[in-house]
Amino acid sequence: MTKDFHHIGIPTTQPQPNEIYLESVQLYITDASQNAHRIEWIRAEPGCPFPEVLKTTAHVAYTVDNLEAAIDGQNVIWPPFEPLPGIRVAFILDEGAPVEFLEFAK
């Protein structure tokens, strides 16, 4: 399975320019493709259902061809969902570190 680096997500409590609000998970994100170093800032609102580790610990993210195959047998801490049209993501925990996998619609 091919995994390509996509971004690093860094939690913050400070609003960032051009945030995108993900209503389904009560979370603000920035577009990592607009950052020279592929940084995605994430800011959880009160009530965000994500596990605490996703709200407080940086994560690395990879694009994958098959999301289900990428998480098969892994310690899934947030199952596949579609935060934005055409993008499915899931999070695993690898030795205590959160990892995100993204599958883009073909």
C-alpha atoms as a PDB file:
ATOM      1  CA  MET A   1       0.000   0.000   0.000  1.00  0.00           C
ATOM      2  CA  THR A   2       1.274   3.458  -0.917  1.00  0.00           C
ATOM      3  CA  LYS A   3       1.410   6.105   1.792  1.00  0.00           C
ATOM      4  CA  ASP A   4       2.506   9.617   0.922  1.00  0.00           C
ATOM      5  CA  PHE A   5       3.173  12.368   3.453  1.00  0.00           C
ATOM      6  CA  HIS A   6       0.365  14.941   3.420  1.00  0.00           C
ATOM      7  CA  HIS A   7       0.741  17.191   6.490  1.00  0.00           C
ATOM      8  CA  ILE A   8       1.495  17.553  10.151  1.00  0.00           C
ATOM      9  CA  GLY A   9      -1.422  18.638  12.311  1.00  0.00           C
ATOM     10  CA  ILE A  10      -0.634  20.829  15.296  1.00  0.00           C
ATOM     11  CA  PRO A  11      -3.234  21.600  17.961  1.00  0.00           C
ATOM     12  CA  THR A  12      -3.688  25.206  19.002  1.00  0.00           C
ATOM     13  CA  THR A  13      -6.061  27.187  21.171  1.00  0.00           C
ATOM     14  CA  GLN A  14      -5.589  30.369  19.121  1.00  0.00           C
ATOM     15  CA  PRO A  15      -7.764  31.194  16.090  1.00  0.00           C
ATOM     16  CA  GLN A  16      -5.797  31.037  12.847  1.00  0.00           C
ATOM     17  CA  PRO A  17      -6.254  32.944   9.581  1.00  0.00           C
ATOM     18  CA  ASN A  18      -8.519  31.245   7.015  1.00  0.00           C
ATOM     19  CA  GLU A  19      -9.755  28.490   9.350  1.00  0.00           C
ATOM     20  CA  ILE A  20     -12.246  25.965   7.990  1.00  0.00           C
ATOM     21  CA  TYR A  21     -14.959  24.867  10.412  1.00  0.00           C
ATOM     22  CA  LEU A  22     -15.844  21.162  10.461  1.00  0.00           C
ATOM     23  CA  GLU A  23     -19.289  21.261  12.034  1.00  0.00           C
ATOM     24  CA  SER A  24     -19.640  17.474  12.281  1.00  0.00           C
ATOM     25  CA  VAL A  25     -16.727  17.288  14.759  1.00  0.00           C
ATOM     26  CA  GLN A  26     -16.759  20.870  16.132  1.00  0.00           C
ATOM     27  CA  LEU A  27     -13.217  21.515  14.954  1.00  0.00           C
ATOM     28  CA  TYR A  28     -11.413  24.281  13.076  1.00  0.00           C
ATOM     29  CA  ILE A  29      -8.589  23.403  10.685  1.00  0.00           C
ATOM     30  CA  THR A  30      -6.351  25.277   8.289  1.00  0.00           C
ATOM     31  CA  ASP A  31      -5.509  24.108   4.775  1.00  0.00           C
ATOM     32  CA  ALA A  32      -2.068  22.471   4.984  1.00  0.00           C
ATOM     33  CA  SER A  33      -1.617  22.841   1.232  1.00  0.00           C
ATOM     34  CA  GLN A  34      -1.490  26.613   1.780  1.00  0.00           C
ATOM     35  CA  ASN A  35       1.435  26.327   4.216  1.00  0.00           C
ATOM     36  CA  ALA A  36       5.019  26.064   2.923  1.00  0.00           C
ATOM     37  CA  HIS A  37       5.790  23.364   5.505  1.00  0.00           C
ATOM     38  CA  ARG A  38       2.484  21.462   5.199  1.00  0.00           C
ATOM     39  CA  ILE A  39       1.313  22.482   8.693  1.00  0.00           C
ATOM     40  CA  GLU A  40      -2.371  22.116   9.485  1.00  0.00           C
ATOM     41  CA  TRP A  41      -3.458  23.988  12.598  1.00  0.00           C
ATOM     42  CA  ILE A  42      -6.339  22.341  14.459  1.00  0.00           C
ATOM     43  CA  ARG A  43      -8.500  23.981  17.118  1.00  0.00           C
ATOM     44  CA  ALA A  44     -11.193  22.045  18.934  1.00  0.00           C
ATOM     45  CA  GLU A  45     -14.344  23.704  20.191  1.00  0.00           C
ATOM     46  CA  PRO A  46     -15.910  22.672  23.516  1.00  0.00           C
ATOM     47  CA  GLY A  47     -17.859  19.504  22.796  1.00  0.00           C
ATOM     48  CA  CYS A  48     -15.493  18.250  20.081  1.00  0.00           C
ATOM     49  CA  PRO A  49     -15.952  14.479  20.206  1.00  0.00           C
ATOM     50  CA  PHE A  50     -12.371  13.617  19.208  1.00  0.00           C
ATOM     51  CA  PRO A  51     -10.247  11.724  21.747  1.00  0.00           C
ATOM     52  CA  GLU A  52      -8.144  14.026  23.900  1.00  0.00           C
ATOM     53  CA  VAL A  53      -4.916  12.866  22.233  1.00  0.00           C
ATOM     54  CA  LEU A  54      -6.124  14.292  18.896  1.00  0.00           C
ATOM     55  CA  LYS A  55      -6.928  17.627  20.525  1.00  0.00           C
ATOM     56  CA  THR A  56      -3.624  17.965  22.386  1.00  0.00           C
ATOM     57  CA  THR A  57      -0.934  16.074  20.442  1.00  0.00           C
ATOM     58  CA  ALA A  58       0.500  16.770  16.997  1.00  0.00           C
ATOM     59  CA  HIS A  59      -0.267  14.162  14.347  1.00  0.00           C
ATOM     60  CA  VAL A  60       1.296  13.165  11.057  1.00  0.00           C
ATOM     61  CA  ALA A  61      -0.971  12.530   8.060  1.00  0.00           C
ATOM     62  CA  TYR A  62      -0.592  10.397   4.953  1.00  0.00           C
ATOM     63  CA  THR A  63      -2.668   9.973   1.818  1.00  0.00           C
ATOM     64  CA  VAL A  64      -3.626   6.392   1.035  1.00  0.00           C
ATOM     65  CA  ASP A  65      -5.394   4.652  -1.841  1.00  0.00           C
ATOM     66  CA  ASN A  66      -7.561   2.505   0.425  1.00  0.00           C
ATOM     67  CA  LEU A  67      -8.536   3.845   3.843  1.00  0.00           C
ATOM     68  CA  GLU A  68      -9.925   0.558   5.136  1.00  0.00           C
ATOM     69  CA  ALA A  69      -6.742  -1.299   4.188  1.00  0.00           C
ATOM     70  CA  ALA A  70      -4.614   1.387   5.884  1.00  0.00           C
ATOM     71  CA  ILE A  71      -6.411   1.024   9.225  1.00  0.00           C
ATOM     72  CA  ASP A  72      -6.927  -2.745   9.111  1.00  0.00           C
ATOM     73  CA  GLY A  73      -5.388  -4.283  12.239  1.00  0.00           C
ATOM     74  CA  GLN A  74      -4.423  -0.868  13.637  1.00  0.00           C
ATOM     75  CA  ASN A  75      -5.447   0.779  16.908  1.00  0.00           C
ATOM     76  CA  VAL A  76      -8.214   2.954  15.422  1.00  0.00           C
ATOM     77  CA  ILE A  77      -9.055   5.904  17.668  1.00  0.00           C
ATOM     78  CA  TRP A  78     -11.414   7.672  15.218  1.00  0.00           C
ATOM     79  CA  PRO A  79     -13.147   5.633  12.505  1.00  0.00           C
ATOM     80  CA  PRO A  80     -13.501   6.720   8.872  1.00  0.00           C
ATOM     81  CA  PHE A  81     -15.604   9.820   8.268  1.00  0.00           C
ATOM     82  CA  GLU A  82     -15.922  12.516   5.601  1.00  0.00           C
ATOM     83  CA  PRO A  83     -15.006  15.914   7.095  1.00  0.00           C
ATOM     84  CA  LEU A  84     -15.143  17.632   3.696  1.00  0.00           C
ATOM     85  CA  PRO A  85     -16.686  16.484   0.404  1.00  0.00           C
ATOM     86  CA  GLY A  86     -14.448  13.979  -1.366  1.00  0.00           C
ATOM     87  CA  ILE A  87     -12.104  13.391   1.583  1.00  0.00           C
ATOM     88  CA  ARG A  88     -12.389  10.424   3.945  1.00  0.00           C
ATOM     89  CA  VAL A  89     -10.113  10.251   6.978  1.00  0.00           C
ATOM     90  CA  ALA A  90      -9.445   8.032   9.974  1.00  0.00           C
ATOM     91  CA  PHE A  91      -7.020   8.220  12.886  1.00  0.00           C
ATOM     92  CA  ILE A  92      -4.963   5.508  14.531  1.00  0.00           C
ATOM     93  CA  LEU A  93      -2.650   5.520  17.529  1.00  0.00           C
ATOM     94  CA  ASP A  94       0.871   4.216  16.811  1.00  0.00           C
ATOM     95  CA  GLU A  95       3.023   3.801  19.918  1.00  0.00           C
ATOM     96  CA  GLY A  96       1.116   6.659  21.568  1.00  0.00           C
ATOM     97  CA  ALA A  97       1.310   8.988  18.559  1.00  0.00           C
ATOM     98  CA  PRO A  98      -1.779   9.866  16.506  1.00  0.00           C
ATOM     99  CA  VAL A  99      -1.566   9.197  12.766  1.00  0.00           C
ATOM    100  CA  GLU A 100      -4.131  10.318  10.202  1.00  0.00           C
ATOM    101  CA  PHE A 101      -4.866   8.596   6.906  1.00  0.00           C
ATOM    102  CA  LEU A 102      -6.657  10.489   4.114  1.00  0.00           C
ATOM    103  CA  GLU A 103      -8.344   8.973   1.079  1.00  0.00           C
ATOM    104  CA  PHE A 104      -9.310  11.403  -1.684  1.00  0.00           C
ATOM    105  CA  ALA A 105     -12.194  10.607  -4.039  1.00  0.00           C
ATOM    106  CA  LYS A 106     -10.979   9.437  -7.406  1.00  0.00           C
END
